[in-house]
Protein backbone atom coordinates (compact mmCIF):
# COMPACT_ATOMS: atom_id res chain seq x y z
CA UNK A 1 24.61 11.60 2.79
CA UNK A 2 22.43 8.75 1.44
CA UNK A 3 19.19 8.84 3.36
CA UNK A 4 17.89 5.44 2.22
CA UNK A 5 20.46 2.97 1.01
CA UNK A 6 17.91 0.19 0.52
CA UNK A 7 15.76 1.97 -2.04
CA UNK A 8 18.26 4.23 -3.75
CA UNK A 9 20.15 3.87 -7.04
CA UNK A 10 23.24 1.76 -6.33
CA UNK A 11 26.64 3.44 -6.55
CA UNK A 12 28.02 0.57 -8.59
CA UNK A 13 25.92 -1.69 -10.81
CA UNK A 14 25.22 -2.98 -14.28
CA UNK A 15 22.21 -1.87 -16.31
CA UNK A 16 19.74 -4.53 -17.39
CA UNK A 17 16.97 -3.87 -19.94
CA UNK A 18 13.45 -4.01 -18.50
CA UNK A 19 12.24 -6.78 -20.83
CA UNK A 20 15.25 -8.97 -20.09
CA UNK A 21 14.89 -8.68 -16.31
CA UNK A 22 11.12 -9.14 -16.40
CA UNK A 23 11.57 -12.28 -18.51
CA UNK A 24 14.09 -13.77 -16.07
CA UNK A 25 11.82 -13.09 -13.12
CA UNK A 26 8.86 -14.67 -14.90
CA UNK A 27 10.91 -17.80 -15.64
CA UNK A 28 11.72 -18.17 -11.94
CA UNK A 29 8.06 -18.04 -10.92
CA UNK A 30 7.02 -20.41 -13.71
CA UNK A 31 9.64 -22.86 -12.47
CA UNK A 32 8.07 -22.57 -9.01
CA UNK A 33 4.77 -23.86 -10.49
CA UNK A 34 3.03 -20.49 -10.67
CA UNK A 35 0.30 -20.08 -13.29
CA UNK A 36 1.49 -18.30 -16.43
CA UNK A 37 -0.78 -15.27 -16.04
CA UNK A 38 0.19 -14.87 -12.37
CA UNK A 39 3.92 -15.24 -13.10
CA UNK A 40 3.64 -12.60 -15.82
CA UNK A 41 1.78 -10.15 -13.58
CA UNK A 42 4.10 -10.63 -10.62
CA UNK A 43 7.21 -10.31 -12.77
CA UNK A 44 5.85 -7.10 -14.26
CA UNK A 45 5.06 -5.54 -10.87
CA UNK A 46 8.41 -6.47 -9.30
CA UNK A 47 10.46 -5.37 -12.30
CA UNK A 48 8.66 -2.05 -12.51
CA UNK A 49 9.47 -1.49 -8.83
CA UNK A 50 13.13 -2.15 -9.59
CA UNK A 51 12.81 0.39 -12.40
CA UNK A 52 11.74 2.91 -9.74
CA UNK A 53 14.62 1.76 -7.47
CA UNK A 54 12.12 0.34 -4.97
CA UNK A 55 14.30 -2.76 -4.68
CA UNK A 56 12.92 -3.79 -1.30
CA UNK A 57 9.58 -4.48 -2.97
CA UNK A 58 10.96 -5.50 -6.34
CA UNK A 59 13.33 -8.39 -7.00
CA UNK A 60 14.46 -8.14 -3.37
CA UNK A 61 11.30 -10.07 -2.43
CA UNK A 62 11.91 -12.98 -4.79
CA UNK A 63 13.95 -15.21 -2.42
CA UNK A 64 11.24 -14.98 0.24
CA UNK A 65 8.40 -15.69 -2.18
CA UNK A 66 10.14 -18.69 -3.72
CA UNK A 67 11.04 -20.00 -0.28
CA UNK A 68 7.50 -19.91 1.15
CA UNK A 69 6.15 -21.48 -2.05
CA UNK A 70 8.77 -24.25 -1.93
CA UNK A 71 7.95 -24.95 1.73
CA UNK A 72 4.23 -25.28 0.93
CA UNK A 73 3.31 -22.25 3.01
CA UNK A 74 1.90 -20.21 0.10
CA UNK A 75 -0.32 -21.50 -2.69
CA UNK A 76 1.52 -21.12 -6.04
CA UNK A 77 -1.74 -21.43 -8.03
CA UNK A 78 -4.47 -19.62 -6.10
CA UNK A 79 -8.02 -19.42 -7.44
CA UNK A 80 -8.93 -15.87 -6.45
CA UNK A 81 -12.67 -15.44 -5.95
CA UNK A 82 -15.14 -12.69 -5.20
CA UNK A 83 -16.76 -13.35 -1.82
CA UNK A 84 -19.16 -10.43 -1.73
CA UNK A 85 -19.94 -7.61 -4.14
CA UNK A 86 -22.04 -4.43 -4.19
CA UNK A 87 -22.29 -1.45 -6.53
CA UNK A 88 -19.28 0.26 -4.98
CA UNK A 89 -17.62 -2.49 -2.94
CA UNK A 90 -16.06 -5.92 -3.35
CA UNK A 91 -14.47 -8.52 -1.08
CA UNK A 92 -11.95 -10.98 -2.52
CA UNK A 93 -10.47 -14.21 -1.18
CA UNK A 94 -6.84 -14.90 -2.14
CA UNK A 95 -6.98 -18.70 -1.70
CA UNK A 96 -3.70 -18.85 0.20
CA UNK A 97 -1.56 -17.26 -2.52
CA UNK A 98 0.40 -14.05 -2.66
CA UNK A 99 -1.66 -10.92 -2.08
CA UNK A 100 -0.78 -9.34 -5.41
CA UNK A 101 -3.39 -11.35 -7.28
CA UNK A 102 -6.57 -10.52 -5.33
CA UNK A 103 -5.42 -6.94 -4.75
CA UNK A 104 -4.60 -6.27 -8.41
CA UNK A 105 -7.81 -7.90 -9.61
CA UNK A 106 -9.80 -6.10 -6.94
CA UNK A 107 -8.25 -2.72 -7.71
CA UNK A 108 -9.11 -3.05 -11.41
CA UNK A 109 -12.66 -3.99 -10.46
CA UNK A 110 -12.88 -1.08 -8.00
CA UNK A 111 -11.69 1.33 -10.70
CA UNK A 112 -14.53 0.15 -12.93
CA UNK A 113 -17.00 0.63 -10.10
CA UNK A 114 -15.63 4.06 -9.17
CA UNK A 115 -16.00 5.23 -12.76
CA UNK A 116 -19.73 4.54 -12.36
CA UNK A 117 -20.35 5.43 -8.72
CA UNK A 118 -17.66 7.96 -7.83
CA UNK A 119 -15.97 5.98 -5.05
CA UNK A 120 -15.37 2.25 -4.63
CA UNK A 121 -13.56 0.15 -2.05
CA UNK A 122 -12.37 -3.40 -1.60
CA UNK A 123 -11.02 -5.67 1.05
CA UNK A 124 -8.93 -8.79 0.51
CA UNK A 125 -8.14 -11.66 2.84
CA UNK A 126 -6.73 -15.18 2.98
CA UNK A 127 -3.44 -14.33 1.32
CA UNK A 128 0.24 -13.64 1.96
CA UNK A 129 2.26 -10.46 1.26
CA UNK A 130 0.67 -7.95 -1.14
CA UNK A 131 3.92 -6.12 -1.87
CA UNK A 132 4.31 -2.38 -2.00
CA UNK A 133 1.17 -0.47 -1.06
CA UNK A 134 2.04 1.88 -3.90
CA UNK A 135 1.43 -0.83 -6.50
CA UNK A 136 -2.28 -0.21 -6.21
CA UNK A 137 -2.28 3.58 -5.85
CA UNK A 138 -0.11 3.83 -8.96
CA UNK A 139 -2.66 1.68 -10.79
CA UNK A 140 -5.34 4.13 -9.66
CA UNK A 141 -3.30 7.10 -10.91
CA UNK A 142 -2.79 5.42 -14.29
CA UNK A 143 -6.59 5.40 -14.56
CA UNK A 144 -7.02 9.07 -13.52
CA UNK A 145 -8.18 8.14 -10.03
CA UNK A 146 -7.00 8.77 -6.49
CA UNK A 147 -5.96 5.64 -4.63
CA UNK A 148 -5.61 4.74 -0.95
CA UNK A 149 -4.08 1.40 0.00
CA UNK A 150 -3.31 -0.18 3.38
CA UNK A 151 -2.38 -3.68 4.48
CA UNK A 152 -2.21 -5.38 7.85
CA UNK A 153 -0.69 -8.68 8.92
CA UNK A 154 -2.03 -10.88 11.67
CA UNK A 155 -0.06 -10.47 14.87
CA UNK A 156 -1.14 -10.63 18.48
CA UNK A 157 -0.22 -7.91 20.96
CA UNK A 158 1.56 -9.11 24.08
CA UNK A 159 -0.09 -7.69 27.23
CA UNK A 160 3.33 -7.79 28.93
CA UNK A 161 4.69 -5.16 26.47
CA UNK A 162 4.22 -1.37 26.57
CA UNK A 163 1.42 -0.16 24.30
CA UNK A 164 4.01 1.55 22.11
CA UNK A 165 4.66 -1.87 20.57
CA UNK A 166 1.46 -1.43 18.57
CA UNK A 167 3.72 0.43 16.12
CA UNK A 168 4.75 -1.77 13.21
CA UNK A 169 5.68 -1.56 9.53
CA UNK A 170 2.22 -2.28 8.08
CA UNK A 171 2.07 -0.04 4.99
CA UNK A 172 -0.05 2.79 3.68
CA UNK A 173 -0.03 4.54 0.31
CA UNK A 174 -1.99 7.52 -0.97
CA UNK A 175 -1.68 8.43 -4.63
CA UNK A 176 -2.97 11.63 -6.27
CA UNK A 177 -2.48 12.24 -10.00
CA UNK A 178 -0.71 15.29 -11.39
CA UNK A 179 -0.05 16.34 -14.98
CA UNK A 180 3.37 17.55 -16.09
CA UNK A 181 4.72 17.36 -12.52
CA UNK A 182 5.29 14.06 -10.67
CA UNK A 183 2.14 12.59 -9.15
CA UNK A 184 2.06 12.56 -5.36
CA UNK A 185 2.60 8.98 -4.16
CA UNK A 186 3.04 8.50 -0.44
CA UNK A 187 4.15 4.90 0.18
CA UNK A 188 5.49 3.97 3.60
CA UNK A 189 5.21 1.83 6.69
CA UNK A 190 3.41 3.00 9.80
CA UNK A 191 6.58 2.80 11.88
CA UNK A 192 7.64 6.39 11.23
CA UNK A 193 9.41 6.09 14.56
CA UNK A 194 9.99 2.97 16.65
CA UNK A 195 8.94 2.82 20.28
CA UNK A 196 11.67 2.83 22.91
CA UNK A 197 12.36 4.62 26.17
CA UNK A 198 14.73 6.91 24.28
CA UNK A 199 12.30 7.84 21.49
CA UNK A 200 9.50 8.32 24.02
CA UNK A 201 11.72 10.67 25.99
CA UNK A 202 13.02 12.62 22.98
CA UNK A 203 10.09 12.53 20.54
CA UNK A 204 6.87 11.74 22.46
CA UNK A 205 4.61 13.42 19.89
CA UNK A 206 6.12 11.35 17.08
CA UNK A 207 5.66 8.15 19.06
CA UNK A 208 1.98 8.87 19.72
CA UNK A 209 1.43 9.73 16.04
CA UNK A 210 3.13 6.50 14.97
CA UNK A 211 0.95 4.55 17.41
CA UNK A 212 -2.19 6.12 15.98
CA UNK A 213 -1.10 5.63 12.37
CA UNK A 214 -0.10 1.99 12.87
CA UNK A 215 -3.29 1.19 14.78
CA UNK A 216 -5.42 2.68 12.00
CA UNK A 217 -3.53 0.81 9.26
CA UNK A 218 -3.72 -2.48 11.15
CA UNK A 219 -7.43 -1.98 11.85
CA UNK A 220 -8.42 -1.20 8.25
CA UNK A 221 -5.96 -3.49 6.46
CA UNK A 222 -6.16 -6.29 9.01
CA UNK A 223 -9.19 -6.39 11.30
CA UNK A 224 -11.63 -4.89 8.76
CA UNK A 225 -10.31 -7.11 5.96
CA UNK A 226 -11.09 -10.21 8.03
CA UNK A 227 -7.69 -11.72 8.72
CA UNK A 228 -8.59 -12.48 12.33
CA UNK A 229 -11.74 -14.44 11.47
CA UNK A 230 -11.80 -18.14 12.31
CA UNK A 231 -12.17 -19.08 8.64
CA UNK A 232 -8.95 -17.32 7.65
CA UNK A 233 -7.01 -18.25 10.78
CA UNK A 234 -7.76 -21.94 10.21
CA UNK A 235 -6.36 -21.93 6.66
CA UNK A 236 -3.67 -24.47 5.83
CA UNK A 237 -1.75 -21.71 4.06
CA UNK A 238 0.25 -18.87 5.62
CA UNK A 239 -2.55 -16.37 5.03
CA UNK A 240 -1.62 -13.76 7.59
CA UNK A 241 -2.30 -10.60 5.57
CA UNK A 242 -5.19 -8.56 4.23
CA UNK A 243 -5.78 -5.25 2.49
CA UNK A 244 -8.17 -2.33 2.25
CA UNK A 245 -8.06 -0.24 -0.93
CA UNK A 246 -10.15 2.78 -1.91
CA UNK A 247 -10.49 4.21 -5.41
CA UNK A 248 -11.82 7.74 -5.98
CA UNK A 249 -12.98 8.80 -9.43
CA UNK A 250 -11.79 12.39 -9.42
CA UNK A 251 -14.35 13.47 -12.03
CA UNK A 252 -17.10 12.91 -9.47
CA UNK A 253 -15.59 15.74 -7.40
CA UNK A 254 -13.38 17.80 -9.71
CA UNK A 255 -12.63 17.42 -13.43
CA UNK A 256 -9.42 15.42 -13.79
CA UNK A 257 -7.76 18.08 -15.94
CA UNK A 258 -8.45 20.69 -13.27
CA UNK A 259 -7.10 18.45 -10.53
CA UNK A 260 -3.93 17.72 -12.51
CA UNK A 261 -3.43 21.41 -13.22
CA UNK A 262 -3.85 22.40 -9.59
CA UNK A 263 -1.64 19.53 -8.43
CA UNK A 264 0.98 20.73 -10.92
CA UNK A 265 0.89 24.15 -9.28
CA UNK A 266 1.22 22.66 -5.79
CA UNK A 267 3.92 20.12 -6.62
CA UNK A 268 5.75 22.64 -8.77
CA UNK A 269 5.91 25.15 -5.91
CA UNK A 270 7.29 22.47 -3.60
CA UNK A 271 9.97 21.44 -6.10
CA UNK A 272 11.28 25.02 -6.22
CA UNK A 273 12.05 24.89 -2.51
CA UNK A 274 15.44 23.98 -1.09
CA UNK A 275 16.01 20.21 -0.93
CA UNK A 276 16.46 18.25 2.27
CA UNK A 277 20.13 18.17 3.22
CA UNK A 278 21.79 15.26 1.49
CA UNK A 279 19.29 15.08 -1.35
CA UNK A 280 19.99 16.28 -4.87
CA UNK A 281 16.64 17.95 -5.46
CA UNK A 282 13.46 18.98 -3.69
CA UNK A 283 10.77 16.35 -4.25
CA UNK A 284 7.51 15.41 -2.61
CA UNK A 285 6.62 11.76 -1.99
CA UNK A 286 7.06 9.70 -5.15
CA UNK A 287 9.03 12.34 -7.03
CA UNK A 288 12.41 10.64 -6.79
CA UNK A 289 10.99 7.28 -7.87
CA UNK A 290 9.34 8.84 -10.92
CA UNK A 291 12.59 10.55 -11.90
CA UNK A 292 14.59 7.34 -11.48
CA UNK A 293 12.00 5.40 -13.46
CA UNK A 294 12.25 7.81 -16.38
CA UNK A 295 16.03 7.50 -16.40
CA UNK A 296 15.99 3.74 -16.11
CA UNK A 297 13.43 3.30 -18.89
CA UNK A 298 15.99 4.87 -21.20
CA UNK A 299 19.23 3.47 -19.79
CA UNK A 300 18.24 0.15 -18.20
CA UNK A 301 17.61 -0.90 -14.62
CA UNK A 302 20.65 -0.58 -12.32
CA UNK A 303 21.28 -3.92 -10.65
CA UNK A 304 23.89 -4.25 -7.91
CA UNK A 305 26.11 -7.31 -7.66
CA UNK A 306 24.11 -8.44 -4.64
CA UNK A 307 20.81 -8.33 -6.52
CA UNK A 308 22.28 -10.15 -9.51
CA UNK A 309 23.88 -12.83 -7.35
CA UNK A 310 20.60 -13.35 -5.50
CA UNK A 311 18.70 -14.05 -8.72
CA UNK A 312 21.47 -16.33 -10.02
CA UNK A 313 21.30 -18.31 -6.77
CA UNK A 314 17.52 -18.66 -6.97
CA UNK A 315 17.83 -19.80 -10.57
CA UNK A 316 20.30 -22.51 -9.60
CA UNK A 317 17.84 -23.86 -7.03
CA UNK A 318 15.11 -24.12 -9.69
CA UNK A 319 17.20 -25.21 -12.64
CA UNK A 320 16.75 -21.88 -14.43
CA UNK A 321 19.82 -20.35 -16.05
CA UNK A 322 20.14 -16.75 -14.92
CA UNK A 323 23.10 -14.79 -16.25
CA UNK A 324 23.95 -11.11 -16.41
CA UNK A 325 27.34 -11.43 -18.14
CA UNK A 326 26.18 -9.77 -21.36
CA UNK A 327 25.42 -6.57 -19.45
CA UNK A 328 28.93 -6.20 -18.00
CA UNK A 329 29.81 -3.47 -20.56
CA UNK A 330 27.17 -1.26 -18.88
CA UNK A 331 28.89 -1.44 -15.48
CA UNK A 332 29.43 1.84 -13.65
């Protein structure tokens, strides 16, 4: 049984080296009039997600991003700016571009602040999709911090619908560093169960929990970030998303080496348990992605025919030659 076919190593694919794929992706964004530094950052983030087999938030997003840029809905060259700043907080404006740029810049700034103050937080607004919530918690982990990341998108609840429709896929990620064991990286949408008469009848507790989780994510990542303010709503760009990210400097609470050691004990105990039926091994959140990433760093990123064809098609639209023929000998 394959529990998640979207973000799972493909059964049949070719293997593409990281640098080659990242370079192709960067060329596509440069051809779409993206600034060089932004194209490089975005290509790096998306390719690393492919490396983890998080295809839905890797190259799988490229057609959408190129489409909204081509239609003039998203600013290809945003000038991200700091709107407000305090010792342990910062607010960034994304200038109508993709959310990766203010969120990445803001997370790096929050890490610097947390190293001084213990905890720092940021909100971002006036931007489009920020990608995987785990992008920013992984960045925190790489800097020996704990990260919490949520994003909301601007939607309006229909009073004619049942309140269960507050459940949506707005994401949340929590990342906690470990040492020799995989770090814990929860990265998911709030729609752990969808509302329907059937789910309400069979799993009422799960529905209520999903309602609460989604409402909290949408409040922090949407309302609190400012996406419903008149200034943002009146933007000429499709700026329907915001984010709320928290960085915790672990040393302010527990020495990082002690935390990693104790997380190793906890994660290690869990990994000795029996796996979920249909899974090869017992892993906590993020464990599979870390294992796949390690394999793919050595062997190349598995790319299905569909993913390859999608990038070739986008290249043809932009006049960029995209070819994977040289990697055919790696096919499995």
